[in-house]
Amino acid sequence: MKTLNTIQKLSKIAAVICKVLFILCVVGIVCCAVSLVFLAALPEGFVVNGMTVKAYIEANAKASIGTCYTALAVGIILCVGEAVLCKIAERYFRHELEAGTPFTFEGAKELIQLGILTICIPIGSAIASGIVHAVLSRIMTDVSDLNLNNTVSFGMGLAFVFAGLLCRSAAEMIGSKEEKQKEE
């Protein structure tokens, strides 16, 4: 029972972390979107301290305006993908806490699905980001290369799938043990 209590405490912590990360992703989406709109709506000749705002941004960000547009658009896509993943993970941990154990068939199924989505959603976000980058690179000048790394999400996804299979195996063992006890 001590281990189960530890699992429940960790599930509570994980649910809170997922909720906080979801909120941060939403903040990231809003900040990127507002910045993108601000950058697009900025008049070309708008001058502050003898320098256009776009020239000021390029000088201080050490990136072209095209790279800024692209980074903001890609930021929105990546934050949306991670927000969806955080919501799904939070749902799993909430259901696990309601069940009182991770060793249920439904919980194992959700954990396996979470693992698959942890692999697929970042890959989908990377593909969508690549498409946006390619389109904006054709439209704008001096757009820097896009470099995304999905190895962490792939490893975590595999770990979730493996953990889900272990939970399903434990649920099967518990179920067969309960059946034997009923027969006696």
C-alpha atoms as a PDB file:
ATOM      1  CA  MET A   1       0.000   0.000   0.000  1.00  0.00           C
ATOM      2  CA  LYS A   2       2.920   2.335   0.594  1.00  0.00           C
ATOM      3  CA  THR A   3       3.900   2.144  -3.081  1.00  0.00           C
ATOM      4  CA  LEU A   4       0.307   2.786  -4.198  1.00  0.00           C
ATOM      5  CA  ASN A   5       0.176   5.870  -1.959  1.00  0.00           C
ATOM      6  CA  THR A   6       3.402   7.097  -3.577  1.00  0.00           C
ATOM      7  CA  ILE A   7       1.913   6.509  -7.029  1.00  0.00           C
ATOM      8  CA  GLN A   8      -1.201   8.481  -6.042  1.00  0.00           C
ATOM      9  CA  LYS A   9       0.904  11.388  -4.721  1.00  0.00           C
ATOM     10  CA  LEU A  10       2.946  11.411  -7.925  1.00  0.00           C
ATOM     11  CA  SER A  11      -0.267  11.340  -9.981  1.00  0.00           C
ATOM     12  CA  LYS A  12      -1.575  14.383  -8.084  1.00  0.00           C
ATOM     13  CA  ILE A  13       1.687  16.221  -8.715  1.00  0.00           C
ATOM     14  CA  ALA A  14       1.672  15.209 -12.395  1.00  0.00           C
ATOM     15  CA  ALA A  15      -1.938  16.397 -12.807  1.00  0.00           C
ATOM     16  CA  VAL A  16      -1.026  19.799 -11.343  1.00  0.00           C
ATOM     17  CA  ILE A  17       2.085  20.048 -13.533  1.00  0.00           C
ATOM     18  CA  CYS A  18       0.006  19.209 -16.618  1.00  0.00           C
ATOM     19  CA  LYS A  19      -2.513  21.898 -15.712  1.00  0.00           C
ATOM     20  CA  VAL A  20       0.253  24.493 -15.204  1.00  0.00           C
ATOM     21  CA  LEU A  21       1.934  23.507 -18.478  1.00  0.00           C
ATOM     22  CA  PHE A  22      -1.418  23.767 -20.289  1.00  0.00           C
ATOM     23  CA  ILE A  23      -1.861  27.294 -18.951  1.00  0.00           C
ATOM     24  CA  LEU A  24       1.687  28.209 -19.994  1.00  0.00           C
ATOM     25  CA  CYS A  25       1.025  26.831 -23.485  1.00  0.00           C
ATOM     26  CA  VAL A  26      -2.130  28.944 -23.767  1.00  0.00           C
ATOM     27  CA  VAL A  27      -0.130  31.988 -22.627  1.00  0.00           C
ATOM     28  CA  GLY A  28       2.490  31.125 -25.271  1.00  0.00           C
ATOM     29  CA  ILE A  29      -0.195  30.873 -27.962  1.00  0.00           C
ATOM     30  CA  VAL A  30      -1.672  34.232 -26.984  1.00  0.00           C
ATOM     31  CA  CYS A  31       1.727  35.959 -26.768  1.00  0.00           C
ATOM     32  CA  CYS A  32       2.816  34.607 -30.154  1.00  0.00           C
ATOM     33  CA  ALA A  33      -0.504  35.534 -31.770  1.00  0.00           C
ATOM     34  CA  VAL A  34      -0.533  39.067 -30.310  1.00  0.00           C
ATOM     35  CA  SER A  35       3.100  39.580 -31.323  1.00  0.00           C
ATOM     36  CA  LEU A  36       2.382  38.298 -34.825  1.00  0.00           C
ATOM     37  CA  VAL A  37      -0.588  40.645 -35.219  1.00  0.00           C
ATOM     38  CA  PHE A  38       1.407  43.558 -33.770  1.00  0.00           C
ATOM     39  CA  LEU A  39       4.309  42.897 -36.134  1.00  0.00           C
ATOM     40  CA  ALA A  40       1.998  42.606 -39.141  1.00  0.00           C
ATOM     41  CA  ALA A  41      -0.032  45.713 -38.237  1.00  0.00           C
ATOM     42  CA  LEU A  42       3.026  47.871 -37.603  1.00  0.00           C
ATOM     43  CA  PRO A  43       3.244  50.646 -40.211  1.00  0.00           C
ATOM     44  CA  GLU A  44       6.361  50.387 -42.380  1.00  0.00           C
ATOM     45  CA  GLY A  45       7.578  53.908 -41.613  1.00  0.00           C
ATOM     46  CA  PHE A  46       6.864  53.911 -37.855  1.00  0.00           C
ATOM     47  CA  VAL A  47       9.950  55.535 -36.278  1.00  0.00           C
ATOM     48  CA  VAL A  48      11.088  55.514 -32.666  1.00  0.00           C
ATOM     49  CA  ASN A  49      14.368  57.199 -31.643  1.00  0.00           C
ATOM     50  CA  GLY A  50      15.328  57.691 -35.278  1.00  0.00           C
ATOM     51  CA  MET A  51      14.933  54.028 -36.189  1.00  0.00           C
ATOM     52  CA  THR A  52      11.998  52.138 -37.639  1.00  0.00           C
ATOM     53  CA  VAL A  53      10.552  49.613 -35.202  1.00  0.00           C
ATOM     54  CA  LYS A  54      11.186  46.747 -37.621  1.00  0.00           C
ATOM     55  CA  ALA A  55      14.834  47.826 -38.015  1.00  0.00           C
ATOM     56  CA  TYR A  56      15.075  48.079 -34.222  1.00  0.00           C
ATOM     57  CA  ILE A  57      13.690  44.554 -33.866  1.00  0.00           C
ATOM     58  CA  GLU A  58      16.111  43.204 -36.467  1.00  0.00           C
ATOM     59  CA  ALA A  59      19.063  44.922 -34.786  1.00  0.00           C
ATOM     60  CA  ASN A  60      18.221  43.765 -31.256  1.00  0.00           C
ATOM     61  CA  ALA A  61      16.825  40.324 -32.028  1.00  0.00           C
ATOM     62  CA  LYS A  62      19.672  39.662 -34.463  1.00  0.00           C
ATOM     63  CA  ALA A  63      17.081  38.098 -36.753  1.00  0.00           C
ATOM     64  CA  SER A  64      15.248  39.258 -39.843  1.00  0.00           C
ATOM     65  CA  ILE A  65      11.580  40.229 -39.738  1.00  0.00           C
ATOM     66  CA  GLY A  66      10.846  37.135 -41.849  1.00  0.00           C
ATOM     67  CA  THR A  67      12.499  34.963 -39.209  1.00  0.00           C
ATOM     68  CA  CYS A  68      10.450  36.720 -36.502  1.00  0.00           C
ATOM     69  CA  TYR A  69       7.190  36.078 -38.377  1.00  0.00           C
ATOM     70  CA  THR A  70       8.161  32.462 -38.921  1.00  0.00           C
ATOM     71  CA  ALA A  71       9.249  31.926 -35.316  1.00  0.00           C
ATOM     72  CA  LEU A  72       5.970  33.337 -34.015  1.00  0.00           C
ATOM     73  CA  ALA A  73       3.849  31.221 -36.377  1.00  0.00           C
ATOM     74  CA  VAL A  74       5.829  28.083 -35.517  1.00  0.00           C
ATOM     75  CA  GLY A  75       5.564  28.984 -31.827  1.00  0.00           C
ATOM     76  CA  ILE A  76       1.771  29.016 -32.094  1.00  0.00           C
ATOM     77  CA  ILE A  77       1.731  25.593 -33.767  1.00  0.00           C
ATOM     78  CA  LEU A  78       4.096  24.023 -31.237  1.00  0.00           C
ATOM     79  CA  CYS A  79       2.243  25.505 -28.261  1.00  0.00           C
ATOM     80  CA  VAL A  80      -1.103  24.239 -29.582  1.00  0.00           C
ATOM     81  CA  GLY A  81       0.317  20.727 -29.940  1.00  0.00           C
ATOM     82  CA  GLU A  82       1.774  20.749 -26.436  1.00  0.00           C
ATOM     83  CA  ALA A  83      -1.428  22.216 -24.958  1.00  0.00           C
ATOM     84  CA  VAL A  84      -3.443  19.338 -26.436  1.00  0.00           C
ATOM     85  CA  LEU A  85      -0.933  16.836 -25.076  1.00  0.00           C
ATOM     86  CA  CYS A  86      -1.026  18.427 -21.604  1.00  0.00           C
ATOM     87  CA  LYS A  87      -4.839  18.229 -21.528  1.00  0.00           C
ATOM     88  CA  ILE A  88      -4.775  14.541 -22.508  1.00  0.00           C
ATOM     89  CA  ALA A  89      -2.130  13.773 -19.867  1.00  0.00           C
ATOM     90  CA  GLU A  90      -4.064  15.701 -17.231  1.00  0.00           C
ATOM     91  CA  ARG A  91      -7.183  13.678 -18.093  1.00  0.00           C
ATOM     92  CA  TYR A  92      -5.251  10.419 -17.664  1.00  0.00           C
ATOM     93  CA  PHE A  93      -3.904  11.434 -14.244  1.00  0.00           C
ATOM     94  CA  ARG A  94      -7.346  12.640 -13.118  1.00  0.00           C
ATOM     95  CA  HIS A  95      -8.900   9.296 -14.136  1.00  0.00           C
ATOM     96  CA  GLU A  96      -6.100   7.393 -12.413  1.00  0.00           C
ATOM     97  CA  LEU A  97      -6.724   9.320  -9.194  1.00  0.00           C
ATOM     98  CA  GLU A  98     -10.463   8.635  -9.417  1.00  0.00           C
ATOM     99  CA  ALA A  99      -9.812   4.900  -9.880  1.00  0.00           C
ATOM    100  CA  GLY A 100      -7.348   4.884  -6.986  1.00  0.00           C
ATOM    101  CA  THR A 101      -4.891   2.736  -8.912  1.00  0.00           C
ATOM    102  CA  PRO A 102      -3.132   2.744 -12.276  1.00  0.00           C
ATOM    103  CA  PHE A 103      -3.773  -0.998 -12.605  1.00  0.00           C
ATOM    104  CA  THR A 104      -7.098  -0.904 -14.421  1.00  0.00           C
ATOM    105  CA  PHE A 105      -7.846  -1.872 -18.000  1.00  0.00           C
ATOM    106  CA  GLU A 106      -9.262   1.565 -18.792  1.00  0.00           C
ATOM    107  CA  GLY A 107      -6.274   3.319 -17.194  1.00  0.00           C
ATOM    108  CA  ALA A 108      -3.833   1.117 -19.094  1.00  0.00           C
ATOM    109  CA  LYS A 109      -5.665   1.855 -22.344  1.00  0.00           C
ATOM    110  CA  GLU A 110      -5.514   5.607 -21.661  1.00  0.00           C
ATOM    111  CA  LEU A 111      -1.815   5.391 -20.803  1.00  0.00           C
ATOM    112  CA  ILE A 112      -1.034   3.555 -24.035  1.00  0.00           C
ATOM    113  CA  GLN A 113      -3.047   6.144 -25.989  1.00  0.00           C
ATOM    114  CA  LEU A 114      -1.155   8.914 -24.171  1.00  0.00           C
ATOM    115  CA  GLY A 115       2.109   7.276 -25.222  1.00  0.00           C
ATOM    116  CA  ILE A 116       1.067   7.060 -28.857  1.00  0.00           C
ATOM    117  CA  LEU A 117      -0.125  10.671 -28.841  1.00  0.00           C
ATOM    118  CA  THR A 118       3.088  11.774 -27.101  1.00  0.00           C
ATOM    119  CA  ILE A 119       4.903  10.437 -30.140  1.00  0.00           C
ATOM    120  CA  CYS A 120       2.430  11.548 -32.841  1.00  0.00           C
ATOM    121  CA  ILE A 121       1.382  15.063 -31.756  1.00  0.00           C
ATOM    122  CA  PRO A 122       4.923  16.520 -31.691  1.00  0.00           C
ATOM    123  CA  ILE A 123       5.648  14.875 -35.043  1.00  0.00           C
ATOM    124  CA  GLY A 124       2.437  16.400 -36.460  1.00  0.00           C
ATOM    125  CA  SER A 125       3.370  19.774 -34.974  1.00  0.00           C
ATOM    126  CA  ALA A 126       6.832  19.510 -36.516  1.00  0.00           C
ATOM    127  CA  ILE A 127       5.356  18.679 -39.924  1.00  0.00           C
ATOM    128  CA  ALA A 128       2.907  21.584 -39.711  1.00  0.00           C
ATOM    129  CA  SER A 129       5.748  23.857 -38.560  1.00  0.00           C
ATOM    130  CA  GLY A 130       7.879  22.712 -41.482  1.00  0.00           C
ATOM    131  CA  ILE A 131       5.083  23.512 -43.910  1.00  0.00           C
ATOM    132  CA  VAL A 132       4.565  26.974 -42.404  1.00  0.00           C
ATOM    133  CA  HIS A 133       8.319  27.564 -42.462  1.00  0.00           C
ATOM    134  CA  ALA A 134       8.554  26.518 -46.123  1.00  0.00           C
ATOM    135  CA  VAL A 135       5.652  28.762 -47.127  1.00  0.00           C
ATOM    136  CA  LEU A 136       6.942  31.773 -45.198  1.00  0.00           C
ATOM    137  CA  SER A 137      10.463  31.188 -46.537  1.00  0.00           C
ATOM    138  CA  ARG A 138       9.061  31.574 -50.061  1.00  0.00           C
ATOM    139  CA  ILE A 139       7.105  34.717 -49.190  1.00  0.00           C
ATOM    140  CA  MET A 140       9.626  36.508 -46.956  1.00  0.00           C
ATOM    141  CA  THR A 141      13.310  37.218 -47.190  1.00  0.00           C
ATOM    142  CA  ASP A 142      16.096  36.053 -44.905  1.00  0.00           C
ATOM    143  CA  VAL A 143      14.157  33.406 -42.984  1.00  0.00           C
ATOM    144  CA  SER A 144      16.500  31.302 -40.848  1.00  0.00           C
ATOM    145  CA  ASP A 145      16.430  27.525 -40.977  1.00  0.00           C
ATOM    146  CA  LEU A 146      14.011  25.605 -38.778  1.00  0.00           C
ATOM    147  CA  ASN A 147      15.562  23.116 -36.387  1.00  0.00           C
ATOM    148  CA  LEU A 148      13.202  21.009 -34.258  1.00  0.00           C
ATOM    149  CA  ASN A 149      14.072  17.973 -32.159  1.00  0.00           C
ATOM    150  CA  ASN A 150      11.428  15.354 -31.247  1.00  0.00           C
ATOM    151  CA  THR A 151      13.656  12.734 -29.646  1.00  0.00           C
ATOM    152  CA  VAL A 152      12.457  13.482 -26.102  1.00  0.00           C
ATOM    153  CA  SER A 153       8.775  13.125 -26.985  1.00  0.00           C
ATOM    154  CA  PHE A 154       9.516   9.886 -28.841  1.00  0.00           C
ATOM    155  CA  GLY A 155      11.303   8.430 -25.808  1.00  0.00           C
ATOM    156  CA  MET A 156       8.593   9.583 -23.408  1.00  0.00           C
ATOM    157  CA  GLY A 157       5.908   8.167 -25.670  1.00  0.00           C
ATOM    158  CA  LEU A 158       7.608   4.771 -25.704  1.00  0.00           C
ATOM    159  CA  ALA A 159       7.917   4.906 -21.903  1.00  0.00           C
ATOM    160  CA  PHE A 160       4.173   5.663 -21.573  1.00  0.00           C
ATOM    161  CA  VAL A 161       3.298   2.786 -23.908  1.00  0.00           C
ATOM    162  CA  PHE A 162       5.542   0.410 -21.962  1.00  0.00           C
ATOM    163  CA  ALA A 163       4.089   1.609 -18.622  1.00  0.00           C
ATOM    164  CA  GLY A 164       0.576   1.137 -20.030  1.00  0.00           C
ATOM    165  CA  LEU A 165       1.391  -2.436 -21.016  1.00  0.00           C
ATOM    166  CA  LEU A 166       2.750  -3.098 -17.514  1.00  0.00           C
ATOM    167  CA  CYS A 167      -0.415  -1.628 -15.977  1.00  0.00           C
ATOM    168  CA  ARG A 168      -2.576  -3.799 -18.253  1.00  0.00           C
ATOM    169  CA  SER A 169      -0.545  -6.874 -17.278  1.00  0.00           C
ATOM    170  CA  ALA A 170      -1.010  -6.028 -13.598  1.00  0.00           C
ATOM    171  CA  ALA A 171      -4.760  -5.493 -14.150  1.00  0.00           C
ATOM    172  CA  GLU A 172      -4.951  -8.929 -15.795  1.00  0.00           C
ATOM    173  CA  MET A 173      -3.086 -10.496 -12.872  1.00  0.00           C
ATOM    174  CA  ILE A 174      -5.353  -8.792 -10.343  1.00  0.00           C
ATOM    175  CA  GLY A 175      -8.418  -9.876 -12.338  1.00  0.00           C
ATOM    176  CA  SER A 176      -7.311 -13.516 -12.521  1.00  0.00           C
ATOM    177  CA  LYS A 177      -6.455 -13.513  -8.798  1.00  0.00           C
ATOM    178  CA  GLU A 178      -9.933 -12.173  -7.970  1.00  0.00           C
ATOM    179  CA  GLU A 179     -11.527 -14.837 -10.196  1.00  0.00           C
ATOM    180  CA  LYS A 180      -9.623 -17.602  -8.394  1.00  0.00           C
ATOM    181  CA  GLN A 181     -10.763 -16.238  -5.043  1.00  0.00           C
ATOM    182  CA  LYS A 182     -14.408 -16.231  -6.211  1.00  0.00           C
ATOM    183  CA  GLU A 183     -14.106 -19.866  -7.353  1.00  0.00           C
ATOM    184  CA  GLU A 184     -12.869 -20.963  -3.936  1.00  0.00           C
END
